Amino acid sequence: MKRNPNYHGTRPHPLAAIALREGVDATAALDRTHHGGWDGIVSSGHTDSELLDPLLDPNGAVASRYGMAPSSDSQYVAARLPETGYIVLNAVRGPFADQTVRRAAALAVDRSALAPVWNEVFSDQLLPPVLPGFHDRHFYPLDAPALGEAARLMRGRHLNAVMAIQANCEPCLDEGRLVRAELGRIGLRVKLEAFKDTFAAADKRSPRIDIMDNGLWGYPDGAAFLESVVFASIPPSWRSSEVMNAVERVNRLAGNERLAAAAALADRLVVSDVPVIPYGNRVNGEVFAPTVGCRIFPPASYGVDLAALCRRERP
């Protein structure tokens, strides 16, 4: 990609050209970044086409070696994306129609185990941290589940639940097994059922499904994100009228009032209503040589802003 000579706007454009190579093995690309004069490994764009290599996982060896060492030969960055992974609960019927059971489940899940299944960094926040209006606060232990508090909410009850997982999806099965083990510790016996279309299956009343996984990305602000959480990722028959009305009220607002109201509602959904259990935020693992500066990560860019990058002298 070459610079447009006719552009005279305010966006940065210090590079004369940018050369991208696709389909390169991540190990080979890392070696070229270290020794071959390449400038780094970056996301190639959207979720379906980005470079998803275990070598670049946020909990992998490259992240451990280079993430905290800015003076090393290269530097790893876990670029946050506007995407949250979460578990959806049937808040209308079945065991999770009881708010205390939903809260107990949110306390019992191990986010530090669930998030790595999807190459995410664990979190208990519903709004992605790159969205305007996000405030970093924590409501659940992130390093280990709060089994004692969860058990107290269960009050000795033993309940059965069915979790829908995507058929022929190994990570989905891994996540389902984790959820089954975690909720089983507090008396929630989870049965895993595979479906070709989990969303369609979950919205049917027979067979009954109580829990499924979902996630969202790419919405401009917190209010729009919450609207999509409730109206696009939660099956219609699982939605409570109270939560739907609250989301619609927030979406009628504008400006700073809208951002503040969305952040407050996101907190309420995580702590009180609990129609979903967030467990992680999606990231892109990217590696930069010390010669690459001017690193900017816009909220909806899916990685570094290529046009803003500049070159600097090697340390």
C-alpha atoms as a PDB file:
ATOM      1  CA  MET A   1       0.000   0.000   0.000  1.00  0.00           C
ATOM      2  CA  LYS A   2       1.452   3.354  -1.046  1.00  0.00           C
ATOM      3  CA  ARG A   3       0.718   6.758   0.404  1.00  0.00           C
ATOM      4  CA  ASN A   4      -1.932   8.785  -1.438  1.00  0.00           C
ATOM      5  CA  PRO A   5      -0.033  11.854  -2.711  1.00  0.00           C
ATOM      6  CA  ASN A   6      -3.281  13.833  -2.909  1.00  0.00           C
ATOM      7  CA  TYR A   7      -4.171  13.433   0.762  1.00  0.00           C
ATOM      8  CA  HIS A   8      -3.612  16.555   2.874  1.00  0.00           C
ATOM      9  CA  GLY A   9      -5.797  15.802   5.886  1.00  0.00           C
ATOM     10  CA  THR A  10      -4.910  15.556   9.569  1.00  0.00           C
ATOM     11  CA  ARG A  11      -4.478  11.800   9.812  1.00  0.00           C
ATOM     12  CA  PRO A  12      -0.852  10.727  10.285  1.00  0.00           C
ATOM     13  CA  HIS A  13       0.878   9.300   7.231  1.00  0.00           C
ATOM     14  CA  PRO A  14       4.644   9.180   7.848  1.00  0.00           C
ATOM     15  CA  LEU A  15       5.282   5.971   5.875  1.00  0.00           C
ATOM     16  CA  ALA A  16       5.801   6.054   2.114  1.00  0.00           C
ATOM     17  CA  ALA A  17       4.474   2.504   1.744  1.00  0.00           C
ATOM     18  CA  ILE A  18       3.355  -0.505   3.770  1.00  0.00           C
ATOM     19  CA  ALA A  19       4.073  -4.055   2.599  1.00  0.00           C
ATOM     20  CA  LEU A  20       1.938  -6.871   3.988  1.00  0.00           C
ATOM     21  CA  ARG A  21       2.705 -10.567   3.664  1.00  0.00           C
ATOM     22  CA  GLU A  22      -0.108 -13.042   4.295  1.00  0.00           C
ATOM     23  CA  GLY A  23      -0.066 -16.768   4.949  1.00  0.00           C
ATOM     24  CA  VAL A  24       3.284 -16.711   6.764  1.00  0.00           C
ATOM     25  CA  ASP A  25       3.842 -19.163   9.605  1.00  0.00           C
ATOM     26  CA  ALA A  26       3.919 -17.255  12.896  1.00  0.00           C
ATOM     27  CA  THR A  27       7.204 -18.844  13.980  1.00  0.00           C
ATOM     28  CA  ALA A  28       8.871 -17.841  10.704  1.00  0.00           C
ATOM     29  CA  ALA A  29       7.410 -14.342  10.946  1.00  0.00           C
ATOM     30  CA  LEU A  30       8.728 -13.970  14.483  1.00  0.00           C
ATOM     31  CA  ASP A  31      12.212 -15.010  13.330  1.00  0.00           C
ATOM     32  CA  ARG A  32      12.071 -12.507  10.461  1.00  0.00           C
ATOM     33  CA  THR A  33      11.048  -9.794  12.922  1.00  0.00           C
ATOM     34  CA  HIS A  34      14.024 -10.668  15.126  1.00  0.00           C
ATOM     35  CA  HIS A  35      16.675 -11.186  12.491  1.00  0.00           C
ATOM     36  CA  GLY A  36      15.355 -10.523   8.999  1.00  0.00           C
ATOM     37  CA  GLY A  37      14.456  -6.858   9.018  1.00  0.00           C
ATOM     38  CA  TRP A  38      10.693  -7.294   9.183  1.00  0.00           C
ATOM     39  CA  ASP A  39       8.839  -4.820  11.364  1.00  0.00           C
ATOM     40  CA  GLY A  40       6.318  -7.050  13.074  1.00  0.00           C
ATOM     41  CA  ILE A  41       3.303  -9.329  13.070  1.00  0.00           C
ATOM     42  CA  VAL A  42      -0.077  -7.613  13.101  1.00  0.00           C
ATOM     43  CA  SER A  43      -3.708  -8.547  12.726  1.00  0.00           C
ATOM     44  CA  SER A  44      -4.914  -8.933   9.171  1.00  0.00           C
ATOM     45  CA  GLY A  45      -8.336  -7.549   9.976  1.00  0.00           C
ATOM     46  CA  HIS A  46     -11.678  -9.115  10.903  1.00  0.00           C
ATOM     47  CA  THR A  47     -12.336 -11.939  13.319  1.00  0.00           C
ATOM     48  CA  ASP A  48     -12.597 -14.583  10.606  1.00  0.00           C
ATOM     49  CA  SER A  49      -9.318 -13.707   8.891  1.00  0.00           C
ATOM     50  CA  GLU A  50      -6.993 -12.531  11.642  1.00  0.00           C
ATOM     51  CA  LEU A  51      -3.801 -14.398  12.386  1.00  0.00           C
ATOM     52  CA  LEU A  52      -4.961 -16.819  15.078  1.00  0.00           C
ATOM     53  CA  ASP A  53      -1.812 -18.716  16.008  1.00  0.00           C
ATOM     54  CA  PRO A  54      -1.292 -20.225  19.459  1.00  0.00           C
ATOM     55  CA  LEU A  55       2.182 -18.693  19.452  1.00  0.00           C
ATOM     56  CA  LEU A  56       0.564 -15.244  19.752  1.00  0.00           C
ATOM     57  CA  ASP A  57      -1.979 -16.106  22.444  1.00  0.00           C
ATOM     58  CA  PRO A  58      -2.104 -13.566  25.301  1.00  0.00           C
ATOM     59  CA  ASN A  59      -1.115 -16.351  27.703  1.00  0.00           C
ATOM     60  CA  GLY A  60       1.541 -17.843  25.423  1.00  0.00           C
ATOM     61  CA  ALA A  61       5.323 -17.896  25.390  1.00  0.00           C
ATOM     62  CA  VAL A  62       5.770 -14.829  23.171  1.00  0.00           C
ATOM     63  CA  ALA A  63       3.495 -12.716  25.363  1.00  0.00           C
ATOM     64  CA  SER A  64       5.348 -13.884  28.473  1.00  0.00           C
ATOM     65  CA  ARG A  65       8.756 -13.150  26.995  1.00  0.00           C
ATOM     66  CA  TYR A  66       8.160  -9.842  25.230  1.00  0.00           C
ATOM     67  CA  GLY A  67       5.023  -8.327  26.702  1.00  0.00           C
ATOM     68  CA  MET A  68       6.792  -6.626  29.593  1.00  0.00           C
ATOM     69  CA  ALA A  69      10.168  -5.957  27.955  1.00  0.00           C
ATOM     70  CA  PRO A  70      10.019  -2.818  25.769  1.00  0.00           C
ATOM     71  CA  SER A  71      13.797  -2.753  25.311  1.00  0.00           C
ATOM     72  CA  SER A  72      14.012  -6.322  23.975  1.00  0.00           C
ATOM     73  CA  ASP A  73      14.457  -7.303  20.317  1.00  0.00           C
ATOM     74  CA  SER A  74      10.702  -7.143  19.781  1.00  0.00           C
ATOM     75  CA  GLN A  75       7.646  -6.305  21.835  1.00  0.00           C
ATOM     76  CA  TYR A  76       4.371  -8.177  22.178  1.00  0.00           C
ATOM     77  CA  VAL A  77       1.093  -6.262  22.501  1.00  0.00           C
ATOM     78  CA  ALA A  78      -2.288  -7.814  23.266  1.00  0.00           C
ATOM     79  CA  ALA A  79      -4.418  -5.339  21.332  1.00  0.00           C
ATOM     80  CA  ARG A  80      -7.871  -5.133  22.918  1.00  0.00           C
ATOM     81  CA  LEU A  81     -10.827  -5.570  20.570  1.00  0.00           C
ATOM     82  CA  PRO A  82     -14.420  -4.357  20.931  1.00  0.00           C
ATOM     83  CA  GLU A  83     -15.592  -7.880  21.762  1.00  0.00           C
ATOM     84  CA  THR A  84     -16.727  -9.632  24.938  1.00  0.00           C
ATOM     85  CA  GLY A  85     -17.191 -13.358  25.440  1.00  0.00           C
ATOM     86  CA  TYR A  86     -20.009 -14.400  27.758  1.00  0.00           C
ATOM     87  CA  ILE A  87     -22.312 -17.206  28.756  1.00  0.00           C
ATOM     88  CA  VAL A  88     -26.052 -16.647  28.225  1.00  0.00           C
ATOM     89  CA  LEU A  89     -28.571 -17.877  30.802  1.00  0.00           C
ATOM     90  CA  ASN A  90     -32.279 -18.601  30.333  1.00  0.00           C
ATOM     91  CA  ALA A  91     -33.672 -16.098  32.820  1.00  0.00           C
ATOM     92  CA  VAL A  92     -37.321 -16.905  32.048  1.00  0.00           C
ATOM     93  CA  ARG A  93     -37.727 -20.618  32.792  1.00  0.00           C
ATOM     94  CA  GLY A  94     -35.723 -23.475  34.216  1.00  0.00           C
ATOM     95  CA  PRO A  95     -33.173 -23.270  37.036  1.00  0.00           C
ATOM     96  CA  PHE A  96     -31.835 -19.867  35.968  1.00  0.00           C
ATOM     97  CA  ALA A  97     -35.246 -18.223  36.219  1.00  0.00           C
ATOM     98  CA  ASP A  98     -34.197 -17.733  39.854  1.00  0.00           C
ATOM     99  CA  GLN A  99     -31.947 -14.668  40.129  1.00  0.00           C
ATOM    100  CA  THR A 100     -30.029 -16.152  43.054  1.00  0.00           C
ATOM    101  CA  VAL A 101     -29.103 -19.197  40.948  1.00  0.00           C
ATOM    102  CA  ARG A 102     -27.878 -16.941  38.123  1.00  0.00           C
ATOM    103  CA  ARG A 103     -25.790 -14.977  40.605  1.00  0.00           C
ATOM    104  CA  ALA A 104     -24.414 -18.203  42.089  1.00  0.00           C
ATOM    105  CA  ALA A 105     -23.380 -19.396  38.621  1.00  0.00           C
ATOM    106  CA  ALA A 106     -21.615 -16.085  37.973  1.00  0.00           C
ATOM    107  CA  LEU A 107     -19.665 -16.532  41.198  1.00  0.00           C
ATOM    108  CA  ALA A 108     -18.782 -20.166  40.455  1.00  0.00           C
ATOM    109  CA  VAL A 109     -17.336 -19.919  36.933  1.00  0.00           C
ATOM    110  CA  ASP A 110     -13.564 -19.710  36.586  1.00  0.00           C
ATOM    111  CA  ARG A 111     -12.921 -16.871  34.142  1.00  0.00           C
ATOM    112  CA  SER A 112      -9.186 -17.487  34.149  1.00  0.00           C
ATOM    113  CA  ALA A 113      -9.913 -20.957  32.699  1.00  0.00           C
ATOM    114  CA  LEU A 114     -12.739 -20.049  30.308  1.00  0.00           C
ATOM    115  CA  ALA A 115     -11.156 -17.033  28.587  1.00  0.00           C
ATOM    116  CA  PRO A 116      -8.037 -18.833  27.255  1.00  0.00           C
ATOM    117  CA  VAL A 117     -10.280 -21.330  25.416  1.00  0.00           C
ATOM    118  CA  TRP A 118     -11.104 -18.475  23.021  1.00  0.00           C
ATOM    119  CA  ASN A 119      -7.709 -16.707  23.165  1.00  0.00           C
ATOM    120  CA  GLU A 120      -9.207 -14.014  25.378  1.00  0.00           C
ATOM    121  CA  VAL A 121      -7.969 -12.204  28.462  1.00  0.00           C
ATOM    122  CA  PHE A 122     -10.227 -12.947  31.402  1.00  0.00           C
ATOM    123  CA  SER A 123     -12.600 -10.274  32.661  1.00  0.00           C
ATOM    124  CA  ASP A 124     -15.871  -9.925  34.539  1.00  0.00           C
ATOM    125  CA  GLN A 125     -16.923  -6.819  32.581  1.00  0.00           C
ATOM    126  CA  LEU A 126     -19.717  -6.868  30.023  1.00  0.00           C
ATOM    127  CA  LEU A 127     -18.637  -3.765  28.084  1.00  0.00           C
ATOM    128  CA  PRO A 128     -15.376  -4.115  26.134  1.00  0.00           C
ATOM    129  CA  PRO A 129     -12.698  -1.850  27.644  1.00  0.00           C
ATOM    130  CA  VAL A 130     -12.141  -0.001  24.337  1.00  0.00           C
ATOM    131  CA  LEU A 131     -15.709   1.374  24.215  1.00  0.00           C
ATOM    132  CA  PRO A 132     -16.363   4.964  25.340  1.00  0.00           C
ATOM    133  CA  GLY A 133     -17.917   5.114  28.784  1.00  0.00           C
ATOM    134  CA  PHE A 134     -16.145   1.989  30.046  1.00  0.00           C
ATOM    135  CA  HIS A 135     -15.040   2.152  33.681  1.00  0.00           C
ATOM    136  CA  ASP A 136     -12.737  -0.532  35.017  1.00  0.00           C
ATOM    137  CA  ARG A 137     -14.260  -2.121  38.103  1.00  0.00           C
ATOM    138  CA  HIS A 138     -14.481  -5.694  39.334  1.00  0.00           C
ATOM    139  CA  PHE A 139     -17.449  -7.513  40.823  1.00  0.00           C
ATOM    140  CA  TYR A 140     -16.193 -11.112  40.864  1.00  0.00           C
ATOM    141  CA  PRO A 141     -12.862 -12.703  41.793  1.00  0.00           C
ATOM    142  CA  LEU A 142     -10.819 -13.113  38.621  1.00  0.00           C
ATOM    143  CA  ASP A 143      -8.118 -15.455  39.869  1.00  0.00           C
ATOM    144  CA  ALA A 144     -10.454 -18.130  41.289  1.00  0.00           C
ATOM    145  CA  PRO A 145     -14.225 -18.723  41.602  1.00  0.00           C
ATOM    146  CA  ALA A 146     -16.032 -17.648  44.782  1.00  0.00           C
ATOM    147  CA  LEU A 147     -17.419 -21.087  45.577  1.00  0.00           C
ATOM    148  CA  GLY A 148     -18.284 -20.341  49.191  1.00  0.00           C
ATOM    149  CA  GLU A 149     -20.515 -17.383  48.358  1.00  0.00           C
ATOM    150  CA  ALA A 150     -22.011 -19.269  45.415  1.00  0.00           C
ATOM    151  CA  ALA A 151     -22.865 -22.253  47.637  1.00  0.00           C
ATOM    152  CA  ARG A 152     -24.591 -19.981  50.163  1.00  0.00           C
ATOM    153  CA  LEU A 153     -26.822 -18.602  47.405  1.00  0.00           C
ATOM    154  CA  MET A 154     -27.697 -22.136  46.287  1.00  0.00           C
ATOM    155  CA  ARG A 155     -28.855 -22.978  49.851  1.00  0.00           C
ATOM    156  CA  GLY A 156     -28.215 -26.675  49.342  1.00  0.00           C
ATOM    157  CA  ARG A 157     -30.276 -26.932  46.180  1.00  0.00           C
ATOM    158  CA  HIS A 158     -29.302 -29.455  43.501  1.00  0.00           C
ATOM    159  CA  LEU A 159     -30.608 -28.457  40.074  1.00  0.00           C
ATOM    160  CA  ASN A 160     -30.276 -29.821  36.544  1.00  0.00           C
ATOM    161  CA  ALA A 161     -29.418 -27.659  33.538  1.00  0.00           C
ATOM    162  CA  VAL A 162     -28.796 -28.276  29.829  1.00  0.00           C
ATOM    163  CA  MET A 163     -26.018 -26.387  28.018  1.00  0.00           C
ATOM    164  CA  ALA A 164     -26.161 -26.065  24.226  1.00  0.00           C
ATOM    165  CA  ILE A 165     -22.799 -26.242  22.472  1.00  0.00           C
ATOM    166  CA  GLN A 166     -21.942 -25.939  18.792  1.00  0.00           C
ATOM    167  CA  ALA A 167     -21.606 -29.301  17.056  1.00  0.00           C
ATOM    168  CA  ASN A 168     -18.165 -30.238  15.690  1.00  0.00           C
ATOM    169  CA  CYS A 169     -16.471 -27.433  17.630  1.00  0.00           C
ATOM    170  CA  GLU A 170     -13.592 -28.553  19.835  1.00  0.00           C
ATOM    171  CA  PRO A 171     -13.232 -25.252  21.780  1.00  0.00           C
ATOM    172  CA  CYS A 172     -17.000 -25.267  22.381  1.00  0.00           C
ATOM    173  CA  LEU A 173     -16.721 -28.738  23.901  1.00  0.00           C
ATOM    174  CA  ASP A 174     -13.726 -27.658  25.997  1.00  0.00           C
ATOM    175  CA  GLU A 175     -15.683 -24.688  27.323  1.00  0.00           C
ATOM    176  CA  GLY A 176     -18.734 -26.840  28.008  1.00  0.00           C
ATOM    177  CA  ARG A 177     -16.695 -29.295  30.031  1.00  0.00           C
ATOM    178  CA  LEU A 178     -15.217 -26.458  32.087  1.00  0.00           C
ATOM    179  CA  VAL A 179     -18.666 -24.976  32.770  1.00  0.00           C
ATOM    180  CA  ARG A 180     -20.026 -28.399  33.695  1.00  0.00           C
ATOM    181  CA  ALA A 181     -17.219 -28.988  36.197  1.00  0.00           C
ATOM    182  CA  GLU A 182     -17.370 -25.478  37.673  1.00  0.00           C
ATOM    183  CA  LEU A 183     -21.136 -25.348  38.173  1.00  0.00           C
ATOM    184  CA  GLY A 184     -21.190 -28.933  39.386  1.00  0.00           C
ATOM    185  CA  ARG A 185     -19.241 -27.852  42.458  1.00  0.00           C
ATOM    186  CA  ILE A 186     -22.202 -25.795  43.688  1.00  0.00           C
ATOM    187  CA  GLY A 187     -24.981 -28.291  42.909  1.00  0.00           C
ATOM    188  CA  LEU A 188     -25.779 -27.332  39.305  1.00  0.00           C
ATOM    189  CA  ARG A 189     -25.605 -30.522  37.247  1.00  0.00           C
ATOM    190  CA  VAL A 190     -24.990 -29.460  33.637  1.00  0.00           C
ATOM    191  CA  LYS A 191     -25.688 -31.770  30.697  1.00  0.00           C
ATOM    192  CA  LEU A 192     -23.995 -30.874  27.389  1.00  0.00           C
ATOM    193  CA  GLU A 193     -26.028 -31.125  24.175  1.00  0.00           C
ATOM    194  CA  ALA A 194     -24.549 -30.412  20.723  1.00  0.00           C
ATOM    195  CA  PHE A 195     -26.586 -28.569  18.067  1.00  0.00           C
ATOM    196  CA  LYS A 196     -25.895 -27.336  14.562  1.00  0.00           C
ATOM    197  CA  ASP A 197     -27.543 -23.994  15.425  1.00  0.00           C
ATOM    198  CA  THR A 198     -27.389 -23.371  19.168  1.00  0.00           C
ATOM    199  CA  PHE A 199     -29.318 -20.079  19.038  1.00  0.00           C
ATOM    200  CA  ALA A 200     -32.289 -21.606  17.186  1.00  0.00           C
ATOM    201  CA  ALA A 201     -32.255 -24.651  19.447  1.00  0.00           C
ATOM    202  CA  ALA A 202     -32.129 -22.512  22.578  1.00  0.00           C
ATOM    203  CA  ASP A 203     -35.209 -20.521  21.582  1.00  0.00           C
ATOM    204  CA  LYS A 204     -37.377 -23.649  21.340  1.00  0.00           C
ATOM    205  CA  ARG A 205     -39.329 -24.757  24.378  1.00  0.00           C
ATOM    206  CA  SER A 206     -38.666 -28.430  23.684  1.00  0.00           C
ATOM    207  CA  PRO A 207     -36.098 -29.678  24.357  1.00  0.00           C
ATOM    208  CA  ARG A 208     -35.406 -27.150  27.095  1.00  0.00           C
ATOM    209  CA  ILE A 209     -32.006 -25.482  27.061  1.00  0.00           C
ATOM    210  CA  ASP A 210     -30.814 -23.376  29.974  1.00  0.00           C
ATOM    211  CA  ILE A 211     -27.350 -22.118  29.081  1.00  0.00           C
ATOM    212  CA  MET A 212     -25.253 -21.376  25.984  1.00  0.00           C
ATOM    213  CA  ASP A 213     -22.192 -19.393  24.943  1.00  0.00           C
ATOM    214  CA  ASN A 214     -22.173 -16.210  22.898  1.00  0.00           C
ATOM    215  CA  GLY A 215     -20.196 -13.011  22.325  1.00  0.00           C
ATOM    216  CA  LEU A 216     -20.394  -9.650  20.554  1.00  0.00           C
ATOM    217  CA  TRP A 217     -18.082  -7.235  18.794  1.00  0.00           C
ATOM    218  CA  GLY A 218     -17.935  -4.028  16.773  1.00  0.00           C
ATOM    219  CA  TYR A 219     -20.536  -1.674  18.282  1.00  0.00           C
ATOM    220  CA  PRO A 220     -19.844   2.088  18.564  1.00  0.00           C
ATOM    221  CA  ASP A 221     -20.807   2.674  22.186  1.00  0.00           C
ATOM    222  CA  GLY A 222     -21.996   0.934  25.325  1.00  0.00           C
ATOM    223  CA  ALA A 223     -25.709   1.495  24.708  1.00  0.00           C
ATOM    224  CA  ALA A 224     -25.591  -0.028  21.223  1.00  0.00           C
ATOM    225  CA  PHE A 225     -23.523  -2.916  22.571  1.00  0.00           C
ATOM    226  CA  LEU A 226     -26.039  -3.673  25.330  1.00  0.00           C
ATOM    227  CA  GLU A 227     -28.919  -3.493  22.855  1.00  0.00           C
ATOM    228  CA  SER A 228     -27.226  -6.157  20.765  1.00  0.00           C
ATOM    229  CA  VAL A 229     -26.427  -8.277  23.830  1.00  0.00           C
ATOM    230  CA  VAL A 230     -30.097  -8.431  24.797  1.00  0.00           C
ATOM    231  CA  PHE A 231     -31.834  -8.368  21.418  1.00  0.00           C
ATOM    232  CA  ALA A 232     -29.318 -10.212  19.213  1.00  0.00           C
ATOM    233  CA  SER A 233     -27.472 -12.711  21.386  1.00  0.00           C
ATOM    234  CA  ILE A 234     -30.127 -13.711  23.944  1.00  0.00           C
ATOM    235  CA  PRO A 235     -32.876 -15.927  22.451  1.00  0.00           C
ATOM    236  CA  PRO A 236     -36.263 -14.137  22.472  1.00  0.00           C
ATOM    237  CA  SER A 237     -37.884 -16.632  24.834  1.00  0.00           C
ATOM    238  CA  TRP A 238     -35.054 -16.095  27.362  1.00  0.00           C
ATOM    239  CA  ARG A 239     -35.395 -12.298  27.683  1.00  0.00           C
ATOM    240  CA  SER A 240     -37.040 -10.684  30.687  1.00  0.00           C
ATOM    241  CA  SER A 241     -39.240  -7.660  30.006  1.00  0.00           C
ATOM    242  CA  GLU A 242     -37.492  -5.736  32.782  1.00  0.00           C
ATOM    243  CA  VAL A 243     -34.103  -6.046  31.121  1.00  0.00           C
ATOM    244  CA  MET A 244     -35.471  -5.275  27.647  1.00  0.00           C
ATOM    245  CA  ASN A 245     -37.197  -2.121  28.934  1.00  0.00           C
ATOM    246  CA  ALA A 246     -34.030  -0.962  30.690  1.00  0.00           C
ATOM    247  CA  VAL A 247     -31.958  -1.343  27.505  1.00  0.00           C
ATOM    248  CA  GLU A 248     -34.544   0.495  25.421  1.00  0.00           C
ATOM    249  CA  ARG A 249     -34.553   3.406  27.898  1.00  0.00           C
ATOM    250  CA  VAL A 250     -30.773   3.748  27.676  1.00  0.00           C
ATOM    251  CA  ASN A 251     -30.864   3.702  23.876  1.00  0.00           C
ATOM    252  CA  ARG A 252     -33.217   6.681  23.808  1.00  0.00           C
ATOM    253  CA  LEU A 253     -30.556   8.830  25.481  1.00  0.00           C
ATOM    254  CA  ALA A 254     -27.727  10.761  23.823  1.00  0.00           C
ATOM    255  CA  GLY A 255     -24.296  12.178  24.575  1.00  0.00           C
ATOM    256  CA  ASN A 256     -22.587  11.748  27.935  1.00  0.00           C
ATOM    257  CA  GLU A 257     -25.886  10.807  29.601  1.00  0.00           C
ATOM    258  CA  ARG A 258     -26.155   7.845  27.223  1.00  0.00           C
ATOM    259  CA  LEU A 259     -22.590   6.676  27.954  1.00  0.00           C
ATOM    260  CA  ALA A 260     -23.020   6.946  31.730  1.00  0.00           C
ATOM    261  CA  ALA A 261     -26.393   5.188  31.691  1.00  0.00           C
ATOM    262  CA  ALA A 262     -25.017   2.355  29.544  1.00  0.00           C
ATOM    263  CA  ALA A 263     -22.084   1.826  31.920  1.00  0.00           C
ATOM    264  CA  ALA A 264     -24.441   1.758  34.916  1.00  0.00           C
ATOM    265  CA  LEU A 265     -26.789  -0.689  33.198  1.00  0.00           C
ATOM    266  CA  ALA A 266     -23.881  -2.939  32.212  1.00  0.00           C
ATOM    267  CA  ASP A 267     -22.888  -3.101  35.891  1.00  0.00           C
ATOM    268  CA  ARG A 268     -26.462  -3.937  36.877  1.00  0.00           C
ATOM    269  CA  LEU A 269     -26.653  -6.735  34.294  1.00  0.00           C
ATOM    270  CA  VAL A 270     -23.396  -8.241  35.562  1.00  0.00           C
ATOM    271  CA  VAL A 271     -24.200  -8.012  39.283  1.00  0.00           C
ATOM    272  CA  SER A 272     -27.975  -8.054  39.731  1.00  0.00           C
ATOM    273  CA  ASP A 273     -30.023  -9.228  36.739  1.00  0.00           C
ATOM    274  CA  VAL A 274     -27.291 -11.581  35.411  1.00  0.00           C
ATOM    275  CA  PRO A 275     -28.844 -12.628  32.071  1.00  0.00           C
ATOM    276  CA  VAL A 276     -25.269 -13.226  30.886  1.00  0.00           C
ATOM    277  CA  ILE A 277     -21.959 -14.067  32.564  1.00  0.00           C
ATOM    278  CA  PRO A 278     -19.020 -12.261  30.925  1.00  0.00           C
ATOM    279  CA  TYR A 279     -15.700 -14.071  31.182  1.00  0.00           C
ATOM    280  CA  GLY A 280     -13.253 -12.444  28.750  1.00  0.00           C
ATOM    281  CA  ASN A 281     -12.301  -9.830  26.196  1.00  0.00           C
ATOM    282  CA  ARG A 282     -10.936 -10.689  22.763  1.00  0.00           C
ATOM    283  CA  VAL A 283      -7.414  -9.549  21.878  1.00  0.00           C
ATOM    284  CA  ASN A 284      -5.121  -9.704  18.883  1.00  0.00           C
ATOM    285  CA  GLY A 285      -1.570 -10.737  19.678  1.00  0.00           C
ATOM    286  CA  GLU A 286       0.787  -8.434  17.757  1.00  0.00           C
ATOM    287  CA  VAL A 287       4.583  -8.234  17.770  1.00  0.00           C
ATOM    288  CA  PHE A 288       6.627  -5.140  16.876  1.00  0.00           C
ATOM    289  CA  ALA A 289      10.311  -4.615  16.257  1.00  0.00           C
ATOM    290  CA  PRO A 290      11.945  -1.774  18.243  1.00  0.00           C
ATOM    291  CA  THR A 291      12.096   0.204  14.989  1.00  0.00           C
ATOM    292  CA  VAL A 292       8.295   0.554  14.889  1.00  0.00           C
ATOM    293  CA  GLY A 293       6.848   3.537  16.720  1.00  0.00           C
ATOM    294  CA  CYS A 294       3.659   5.605  16.754  1.00  0.00           C
ATOM    295  CA  ARG A 295       1.522   2.631  17.817  1.00  0.00           C
ATOM    296  CA  ILE A 296      -2.142   3.597  18.050  1.00  0.00           C
ATOM    297  CA  PHE A 297      -4.967   1.132  18.707  1.00  0.00           C
ATOM    298  CA  PRO A 298      -8.331   2.694  17.785  1.00  0.00           C
ATOM    299  CA  PRO A 299     -11.379   1.146  19.512  1.00  0.00           C
ATOM    300  CA  ALA A 300     -12.874  -0.549  16.441  1.00  0.00           C
ATOM    301  CA  SER A 301      -9.710  -1.142  14.415  1.00  0.00           C
ATOM    302  CA  TYR A 302      -9.046  -4.805  15.265  1.00  0.00           C
ATOM    303  CA  GLY A 303      -5.432  -4.030  15.974  1.00  0.00           C
ATOM    304  CA  VAL A 304      -2.852  -1.347  15.347  1.00  0.00           C
ATOM    305  CA  ASP A 305      -3.554   1.603  13.024  1.00  0.00           C
ATOM    306  CA  LEU A 306      -1.214   0.754  10.153  1.00  0.00           C
ATOM    307  CA  ALA A 307      -1.345   4.228   8.617  1.00  0.00           C
ATOM    308  CA  ALA A 308      -0.235   5.847  11.884  1.00  0.00           C
ATOM    309  CA  LEU A 309       2.917   3.737  12.295  1.00  0.00           C
ATOM    310  CA  CYS A 310       6.335   5.348  11.918  1.00  0.00           C
ATOM    311  CA  ARG A 311       9.934   4.165  11.938  1.00  0.00           C
ATOM    312  CA  ARG A 312      12.527   5.057  14.545  1.00  0.00           C
ATOM    313  CA  GLU A 313      16.163   4.242  15.176  1.00  0.00           C
ATOM    314  CA  ARG A 314      16.904   0.808  16.607  1.00  0.00           C
ATOM    315  CA  PRO A 315      17.963   1.105  20.299  1.00  0.00           C
END
